[in-house]
């Protein structure tokens, strides 16, 4: 069972749909503790709603759909 409510997880997911994020930036924009954002994103990854995306030098997090979109752009 999640320690975060669905509304909070949905707020995080909405931001993940916009672009890939570093955890500190995402926490700042959501006005949440980084530790909590990391836990929520990990839950979303386990649920298949979010994923990690690498620029080659930096690992970011985004929604599953955004990662697929970014990979498609990279392969063109």
PDB file of N, CA and C in Angstrom:
ATOM      1  N   UNK A   1       0.842  -1.194   0.000  1.00  0.00           N
ATOM      2  CA  UNK A   1       0.000   0.000   0.000  1.00  0.00           C
ATOM      3  C   UNK A   1       0.882   1.251   0.000  1.00  0.00           C
ATOM      4  N   UNK A   2       0.441   2.222  -0.752  1.00  0.00           N
ATOM      5  CA  UNK A   2       1.200   3.465  -0.900  1.00  0.00           C
ATOM      6  C   UNK A   2       1.002   4.384   0.301  1.00  0.00           C
ATOM      7  N   UNK A   3       2.069   5.090   0.659  1.00  0.00           N
ATOM      8  CA  UNK A   3       1.940   6.075   1.737  1.00  0.00           C
ATOM      9  C   UNK A   3       1.478   7.425   1.186  1.00  0.00           C
ATOM     10  N   UNK A   4       1.325   7.510  -0.144  1.00  0.00           N
ATOM     11  CA  UNK A   4       0.895   8.749  -0.794  1.00  0.00           C
ATOM     12  C   UNK A   4      -0.468   8.535  -1.440  1.00  0.00           C
ATOM     13  N   UNK A   5      -1.329   9.555  -1.372  1.00  0.00           N
ATOM     14  CA  UNK A   5      -2.652   9.412  -1.963  1.00  0.00           C
ATOM     15  C   UNK A   5      -2.574   9.545  -3.489  1.00  0.00           C
ATOM     16  N   UNK A   6      -3.640   9.102  -4.144  1.00  0.00           N
ATOM     17  CA  UNK A   6      -3.676   9.106  -5.610  1.00  0.00           C
ATOM     18  C   UNK A   6      -3.589  10.521  -6.181  1.00  0.00           C
ATOM     19  N   UNK A   7      -4.143  11.493  -5.481  1.00  0.00           N
ATOM     20  CA  UNK A   7      -4.101  12.884  -5.948  1.00  0.00           C
ATOM     21  C   UNK A   7      -2.655  13.385  -6.022  1.00  0.00           C
ATOM     22  N   UNK A   8      -1.868  13.078  -5.019  1.00  0.00           N
ATOM     23  CA  UNK A   8      -0.458  13.484  -5.001  1.00  0.00           C
ATOM     24  C   UNK A   8       0.306  12.782  -6.112  1.00  0.00           C
ATOM     25  N   UNK A   9       0.072  11.485  -6.268  1.00  0.00           N
ATOM     26  CA  UNK A   9       0.742  10.741  -7.332  1.00  0.00           C
ATOM     27  C   UNK A   9       0.346  11.282  -8.702  1.00  0.00           C
ATOM     28  N   UNK A  10      -0.907  11.691  -8.857  1.00  0.00           N
ATOM     29  CA  UNK A  10      -1.377  12.235 -10.131  1.00  0.00           C
ATOM     30  C   UNK A  10      -0.684  13.562 -10.442  1.00  0.00           C
ATOM     31  N   UNK A  11      -0.470  14.402  -9.428  1.00  0.00           N
ATOM     32  CA  UNK A  11       0.245  15.671  -9.623  1.00  0.00           C
ATOM     33  C   UNK A  11       1.658  15.421 -10.144  1.00  0.00           C
ATOM     34  N   UNK A  12       2.326  14.435  -9.571  1.00  0.00           N
ATOM     35  CA  UNK A  12       3.680  14.090 -10.013  1.00  0.00           C
ATOM     36  C   UNK A  12       3.631  13.569 -11.448  1.00  0.00           C
ATOM     37  N   UNK A  13       2.693  12.695 -11.738  1.00  0.00           N
ATOM     38  CA  UNK A  13       2.574  12.117 -13.077  1.00  0.00           C
ATOM     39  C   UNK A  13       2.292  13.187 -14.126  1.00  0.00           C
ATOM     40  N   UNK A  14       1.478  14.178 -13.792  1.00  0.00           N
ATOM     41  CA  UNK A  14       1.199  15.274 -14.728  1.00  0.00           C
ATOM     42  C   UNK A  14       2.482  16.000 -15.116  1.00  0.00           C
ATOM     43  N   UNK A  15       3.364  16.224 -14.149  1.00  0.00           N
ATOM     44  CA  UNK A  15       4.646  16.874 -14.447  1.00  0.00           C
ATOM     45  C   UNK A  15       5.534  15.952 -15.289  1.00  0.00           C
ATOM     46  N   UNK A  16       5.487  14.666 -15.021  1.00  0.00           N
ATOM     47  CA  UNK A  16       6.301  13.716 -15.781  1.00  0.00           C
ATOM     48  C   UNK A  16       5.855  13.616 -17.232  1.00  0.00           C
ATOM     49  N   UNK A  17       4.595  13.951 -17.514  1.00  0.00           N
ATOM     50  CA  UNK A  17       4.100  13.957 -18.894  1.00  0.00           C
ATOM     51  C   UNK A  17       4.681  15.129 -19.682  1.00  0.00           C
ATOM     52  N   UNK A  18       5.051  16.199 -19.004  1.00  0.00           N
ATOM     53  CA  UNK A  18       5.512  17.420 -19.673  1.00  0.00           C
ATOM     54  C   UNK A  18       6.910  17.295 -20.258  1.00  0.00           C
ATOM     55  N   UNK A  19       7.841  16.712 -19.482  1.00  0.00           N
ATOM     56  CA  UNK A  19       9.232  16.593 -19.922  1.00  0.00           C
ATOM     57  C   UNK A  19       9.981  15.672 -18.973  1.00  0.00           C
ATOM     58  N   UNK A  20      11.161  15.209 -19.380  1.00  0.00           N
ATOM     59  CA  UNK A  20      11.996  14.448 -18.444  1.00  0.00           C
ATOM     60  C   UNK A  20      12.567  15.386 -17.378  1.00  0.00           C
ATOM     61  N   UNK A  21      12.645  14.903 -16.147  1.00  0.00           N
ATOM     62  CA  UNK A  21      13.081  15.725 -15.014  1.00  0.00           C
ATOM     63  C   UNK A  21      14.224  15.085 -14.252  1.00  0.00           C
ATOM     64  N   UNK A  22      15.046  15.920 -13.623  1.00  0.00           N
ATOM     65  CA  UNK A  22      15.950  15.489 -12.562  1.00  0.00           C
ATOM     66  C   UNK A  22      15.122  15.580 -11.281  1.00  0.00           C
ATOM     67  N   UNK A  23      15.390  14.710 -10.331  1.00  0.00           N
ATOM     68  CA  UNK A  23      14.611  14.717  -9.089  1.00  0.00           C
ATOM     69  C   UNK A  23      14.590  16.071  -8.372  1.00  0.00           C
ATOM     70  N   UNK A  24      15.727  16.761  -8.208  1.00  0.00           N
ATOM     71  CA  UNK A  24      15.685  18.040  -7.481  1.00  0.00           C
ATOM     72  C   UNK A  24      14.793  19.087  -8.156  1.00  0.00           C
ATOM     73  N   UNK A  25      14.828  19.137  -9.491  1.00  0.00           N
ATOM     74  CA  UNK A  25      13.980  20.090 -10.221  1.00  0.00           C
ATOM     75  C   UNK A  25      12.507  19.752 -10.043  1.00  0.00           C
ATOM     76  N   UNK A  26      12.193  18.472 -10.139  1.00  0.00           N
ATOM     77  CA  UNK A  26      10.806  18.024  -9.993  1.00  0.00           C
ATOM     78  C   UNK A  26      10.284  18.331  -8.593  1.00  0.00           C
ATOM     79  N   UNK A  27      11.089  18.071  -7.583  1.00  0.00           N
ATOM     80  CA  UNK A  27      10.686  18.360  -6.198  1.00  0.00           C
ATOM     81  C   UNK A  27      10.445  19.853  -6.007  1.00  0.00           C
ATOM     82  N   UNK A  28      11.296  20.676  -6.600  1.00  0.00           N
ATOM     83  CA  UNK A  28      11.159  22.126  -6.458  1.00  0.00           C
ATOM     84  C   UNK A  28       9.863  22.623  -7.100  1.00  0.00           C
ATOM     85  N   UNK A  29       9.573  22.177  -8.311  1.00  0.00           N
ATOM     86  CA  UNK A  29       8.375  22.639  -9.019  1.00  0.00           C
ATOM     87  C   UNK A  29       7.098  22.166  -8.309  1.00  0.00           C
ATOM     88  N   UNK A  30       7.167  20.995  -7.673  1.00  0.00           N
ATOM     89  CA  UNK A  30       6.003  20.451  -6.958  1.00  0.00           C
ATOM     90  C   UNK A  30       5.919  20.932  -5.510  1.00  0.00           C
ATOM     91  N   UNK A  31       6.980  21.638  -5.055  1.00  0.00           N
ATOM     92  CA  UNK A  31       7.047  22.113  -3.668  1.00  0.00           C
ATOM     93  C   UNK A  31       6.915  20.943  -2.691  1.00  0.00           C
ATOM     94  N   UNK A  32       7.695  19.890  -2.981  1.00  0.00           N
ATOM     95  CA  UNK A  32       7.701  18.690  -2.148  1.00  0.00           C
ATOM     96  C   UNK A  32       9.139  18.351  -1.776  1.00  0.00           C
ATOM     97  N   UNK A  33       9.298  17.500  -0.775  1.00  0.00           N
ATOM     98  CA  UNK A  33      10.624  17.008  -0.412  1.00  0.00           C
ATOM     99  C   UNK A  33      11.107  16.051  -1.501  1.00  0.00           C
ATOM    100  N   UNK A  34      12.396  16.154  -1.835  1.00  0.00           N
ATOM    101  CA  UNK A  34      12.974  15.284  -2.864  1.00  0.00           C
ATOM    102  C   UNK A  34      12.777  13.812  -2.507  1.00  0.00           C
ATOM    103  N   UNK A  35      12.955  13.483  -1.233  1.00  0.00           N
ATOM    104  CA  UNK A  35      12.810  12.105  -0.761  1.00  0.00           C
ATOM    105  C   UNK A  35      11.415  11.558  -1.097  1.00  0.00           C
ATOM    106  N   UNK A  36      10.384  12.382  -0.899  1.00  0.00           N
ATOM    107  CA  UNK A  36       9.016  11.954  -1.198  1.00  0.00           C
ATOM    108  C   UNK A  36       8.798  11.802  -2.696  1.00  0.00           C
ATOM    109  N   UNK A  37       9.362  12.723  -3.471  1.00  0.00           N
ATOM    110  CA  UNK A  37       9.222  12.651  -4.929  1.00  0.00           C
ATOM    111  C   UNK A  37       9.875  11.367  -5.447  1.00  0.00           C
ATOM    112  N   UNK A  38      11.040  11.039  -4.926  1.00  0.00           N
ATOM    113  CA  UNK A  38      11.732   9.810  -5.334  1.00  0.00           C
ATOM    114  C   UNK A  38      10.853   8.591  -5.039  1.00  0.00           C
ATOM    115  N   UNK A  39      10.239   8.548  -3.863  1.00  0.00           N
ATOM    116  CA  UNK A  39       9.378   7.422  -3.489  1.00  0.00           C
ATOM    117  C   UNK A  39       8.163   7.328  -4.414  1.00  0.00           C
ATOM    118  N   UNK A  40       7.542   8.471  -4.700  1.00  0.00           N
ATOM    119  CA  UNK A  40       6.360   8.480  -5.572  1.00  0.00           C
ATOM    120  C   UNK A  40       6.739   8.027  -6.975  1.00  0.00           C
ATOM    121  N   UNK A  41       7.830   8.561  -7.512  1.00  0.00           N
ATOM    122  CA  UNK A  41       8.260   8.172  -8.858  1.00  0.00           C
ATOM    123  C   UNK A  41       8.574   6.676  -8.894  1.00  0.00           C
ATOM    124  N   UNK A  42       9.204   6.159  -7.862  1.00  0.00           N
ATOM    125  CA  UNK A  42       9.503   4.724  -7.824  1.00  0.00           C
ATOM    126  C   UNK A  42       8.207   3.909  -7.854  1.00  0.00           C
ATOM    127  N   UNK A  43       7.191   4.351  -7.130  1.00  0.00           N
ATOM    128  CA  UNK A  43       5.893   3.667  -7.167  1.00  0.00           C
ATOM    129  C   UNK A  43       5.304   3.727  -8.572  1.00  0.00           C
ATOM    130  N   UNK A  44       5.403   4.886  -9.223  1.00  0.00           N
ATOM    131  CA  UNK A  44       4.875   5.034 -10.579  1.00  0.00           C
ATOM    132  C   UNK A  44       5.635   4.147 -11.562  1.00  0.00           C
ATOM    133  N   UNK A  45       6.938   3.997 -11.367  1.00  0.00           N
ATOM    134  CA  UNK A  45       7.732   3.102 -12.220  1.00  0.00           C
ATOM    135  C   UNK A  45       7.274   1.661 -12.014  1.00  0.00           C
ATOM    136  N   UNK A  46       7.072   1.271 -10.771  1.00  0.00           N
ATOM    137  CA  UNK A  46       6.608  -0.090 -10.464  1.00  0.00           C
ATOM    138  C   UNK A  46       5.225  -0.355 -11.052  1.00  0.00           C
ATOM    139  N   UNK A  47       4.396   0.689 -11.152  1.00  0.00           N
ATOM    140  CA  UNK A  47       3.056   0.566 -11.732  1.00  0.00           C
ATOM    141  C   UNK A  47       3.090   0.640 -13.257  1.00  0.00           C
ATOM    142  N   UNK A  48       4.262   0.915 -13.833  1.00  0.00           N
ATOM    143  CA  UNK A  48       4.392   1.006 -15.287  1.00  0.00           C
ATOM    144  C   UNK A  48       3.951   2.338 -15.862  1.00  0.00           C
ATOM    145  N   UNK A  49       3.826   3.364 -15.030  1.00  0.00           N
ATOM    146  CA  UNK A  49       3.360   4.673 -15.481  1.00  0.00           C
ATOM    147  C   UNK A  49       4.497   5.651 -15.726  1.00  0.00           C
ATOM    148  N   UNK A  50       5.685   5.354 -15.208  1.00  0.00           N
ATOM    149  CA  UNK A  50       6.848   6.235 -15.364  1.00  0.00           C
ATOM    150  C   UNK A  50       8.064   5.371 -15.675  1.00  0.00           C
ATOM    151  N   UNK A  51       9.136   6.040 -16.130  1.00  0.00           N
ATOM    152  CA  UNK A  51      10.357   5.305 -16.473  1.00  0.00           C
ATOM    153  C   UNK A  51      11.553   6.235 -16.390  1.00  0.00           C
ATOM    154  N   UNK A  52      12.727   5.621 -16.333  1.00  0.00           N
ATOM    155  CA  UNK A  52      13.965   6.388 -16.391  1.00  0.00           C
ATOM    156  C   UNK A  52      14.297   6.643 -17.855  1.00  0.00           C
ATOM    157  N   UNK A  53      14.949   7.771 -18.134  1.00  0.00           N
ATOM    158  CA  UNK A  53      15.414   8.085 -19.484  1.00  0.00           C
ATOM    159  C   UNK A  53      16.793   8.700 -19.369  1.00  0.00           C
ATOM    160  N   UNK A  54      17.720   8.225 -20.178  1.00  0.00           N
ATOM    161  CA  UNK A  54      19.100   8.701 -20.106  1.00  0.00           C
ATOM    162  C   UNK A  54      19.446   9.556 -21.311  1.00  0.00           C
ATOM    163  N   UNK A  55      20.110  10.680 -21.052  1.00  0.00           N
ATOM    164  CA  UNK A  55      20.598  11.538 -22.136  1.00  0.00           C
ATOM    165  C   UNK A  55      21.954  11.048 -22.618  1.00  0.00           C
ATOM    166  N   UNK A  56      22.503  10.100 -21.937  1.00  0.00           N
ATOM    167  CA  UNK A  56      23.843   9.618 -22.219  1.00  0.00           C
ATOM    168  C   UNK A  56      24.767   9.950 -21.063  1.00  0.00           C
ATOM    169  N   UNK A  57      24.504  11.074 -20.426  1.00  0.00           N
ATOM    170  CA  UNK A  57      25.325  11.466 -19.277  1.00  0.00           C
ATOM    171  C   UNK A  57      24.489  11.697 -18.022  1.00  0.00           C
ATOM    172  N   UNK A  58      23.192  11.872 -18.197  1.00  0.00           N
ATOM    173  CA  UNK A  58      22.305  12.174 -17.080  1.00  0.00           C
ATOM    174  C   UNK A  58      21.082  11.266 -17.140  1.00  0.00           C
ATOM    175  N   UNK A  59      20.673  10.744 -16.003  1.00  0.00           N
ATOM    176  CA  UNK A  59      19.462   9.925 -15.942  1.00  0.00           C
ATOM    177  C   UNK A  59      18.329  10.799 -15.420  1.00  0.00           C
ATOM    178  N   UNK A  60      17.244  10.821 -16.181  1.00  0.00           N
ATOM    179  CA  UNK A  60      16.071  11.619 -15.838  1.00  0.00           C
ATOM    180  C   UNK A  60      14.879  10.690 -15.648  1.00  0.00           C
ATOM    181  N   UNK A  61      13.780  11.238 -15.133  1.00  0.00           N
ATOM    182  CA  UNK A  61      12.541  10.477 -15.006  1.00  0.00           C
ATOM    183  C   UNK A  61      11.446  11.191 -15.780  1.00  0.00           C
ATOM    184  N   UNK A  62      10.547  10.398 -16.364  1.00  0.00           N
ATOM    185  CA  UNK A  62       9.435  10.950 -17.137  1.00  0.00           C
ATOM    186  C   UNK A  62       8.327   9.906 -17.175  1.00  0.00           C
ATOM    187  N   UNK A  63       7.185  10.305 -17.717  1.00  0.00           N
ATOM    188  CA  UNK A  63       6.104   9.333 -17.885  1.00  0.00           C
ATOM    189  C   UNK A  63       6.535   8.319 -18.944  1.00  0.00           C
ATOM    190  N   UNK A  64       5.951   7.159 -18.913  1.00  0.00           N
ATOM    191  CA  UNK A  64       6.272   6.102 -19.879  1.00  0.00           C
ATOM    192  C   UNK A  64       6.066   6.614 -21.309  1.00  0.00           C
ATOM    193  N   UNK A  65       4.983   7.351 -21.530  1.00  0.00           N
ATOM    194  CA  UNK A  65       4.680   7.880 -22.855  1.00  0.00           C
ATOM    195  C   UNK A  65       5.736   8.885 -23.305  1.00  0.00           C
ATOM    196  N   UNK A  66       6.175   9.745 -22.396  1.00  0.00           N
ATOM    197  CA  UNK A  66       7.181  10.758 -22.728  1.00  0.00           C
ATOM    198  C   UNK A  66       8.511  10.092 -23.066  1.00  0.00           C
ATOM    199  N   UNK A  67       8.873   9.041 -22.340  1.00  0.00           N
ATOM    200  CA  UNK A  67      10.112   8.316 -22.629  1.00  0.00           C
ATOM    201  C   UNK A  67      10.044   7.706 -24.026  1.00  0.00           C
ATOM    202  N   UNK A  68       8.906   7.100 -24.367  1.00  0.00           N
ATOM    203  CA  UNK A  68       8.747   6.514 -25.699  1.00  0.00           C
ATOM    204  C   UNK A  68       8.854   7.589 -26.773  1.00  0.00           C
ATOM    205  N   UNK A  69       8.255   8.751 -26.535  1.00  0.00           N
ATOM    206  CA  UNK A  69       8.327   9.877 -27.470  1.00  0.00           C
ATOM    207  C   UNK A  69       9.776  10.349 -27.640  1.00  0.00           C
ATOM    208  N   UNK A  70      10.508  10.477 -26.541  1.00  0.00           N
ATOM    209  CA  UNK A  70      11.898  10.935 -26.593  1.00  0.00           C
ATOM    210  C   UNK A  70      12.785   9.914 -27.316  1.00  0.00           C
ATOM    211  N   UNK A  71      12.552   8.633 -27.095  1.00  0.00           N
ATOM    212  CA  UNK A  71      13.327   7.593 -27.779  1.00  0.00           C
ATOM    213  C   UNK A  71      13.052   7.614 -29.281  1.00  0.00           C
ATOM    214  N   UNK A  72      11.799   7.859 -29.648  1.00  0.00           N
ATOM    215  CA  UNK A  72      11.442   7.937 -31.069  1.00  0.00           C
ATOM    216  C   UNK A  72      12.167   9.113 -31.722  1.00  0.00           C
ATOM    217  N   UNK A  73      12.181  10.265 -31.051  1.00  0.00           N
ATOM    218  CA  UNK A  73      12.879  11.439 -31.583  1.00  0.00           C
ATOM    219  C   UNK A  73      14.378  11.179 -31.698  1.00  0.00           C
ATOM    220  N   UNK A  74      14.942  10.493 -30.734  1.00  0.00           N
ATOM    221  CA  UNK A  74      16.377  10.215 -30.741  1.00  0.00           C
ATOM    222  C   UNK A  74      16.752   9.293 -31.905  1.00  0.00           C
ATOM    223  N   UNK A  75      15.860   8.376 -32.262  1.00  0.00           N
ATOM    224  CA  UNK A  75      16.174   7.401 -33.308  1.00  0.00           C
ATOM    225  C   UNK A  75      15.982   7.950 -34.719  1.00  0.00           C
ATOM    226  N   UNK A  76      15.381   9.124 -34.846  1.00  0.00           N
ATOM    227  CA  UNK A  76      15.149   9.703 -36.185  1.00  0.00           C
ATOM    228  C   UNK A  76      16.387  10.345 -36.739  1.00  0.00           C
TER     229      UNK A  76
END
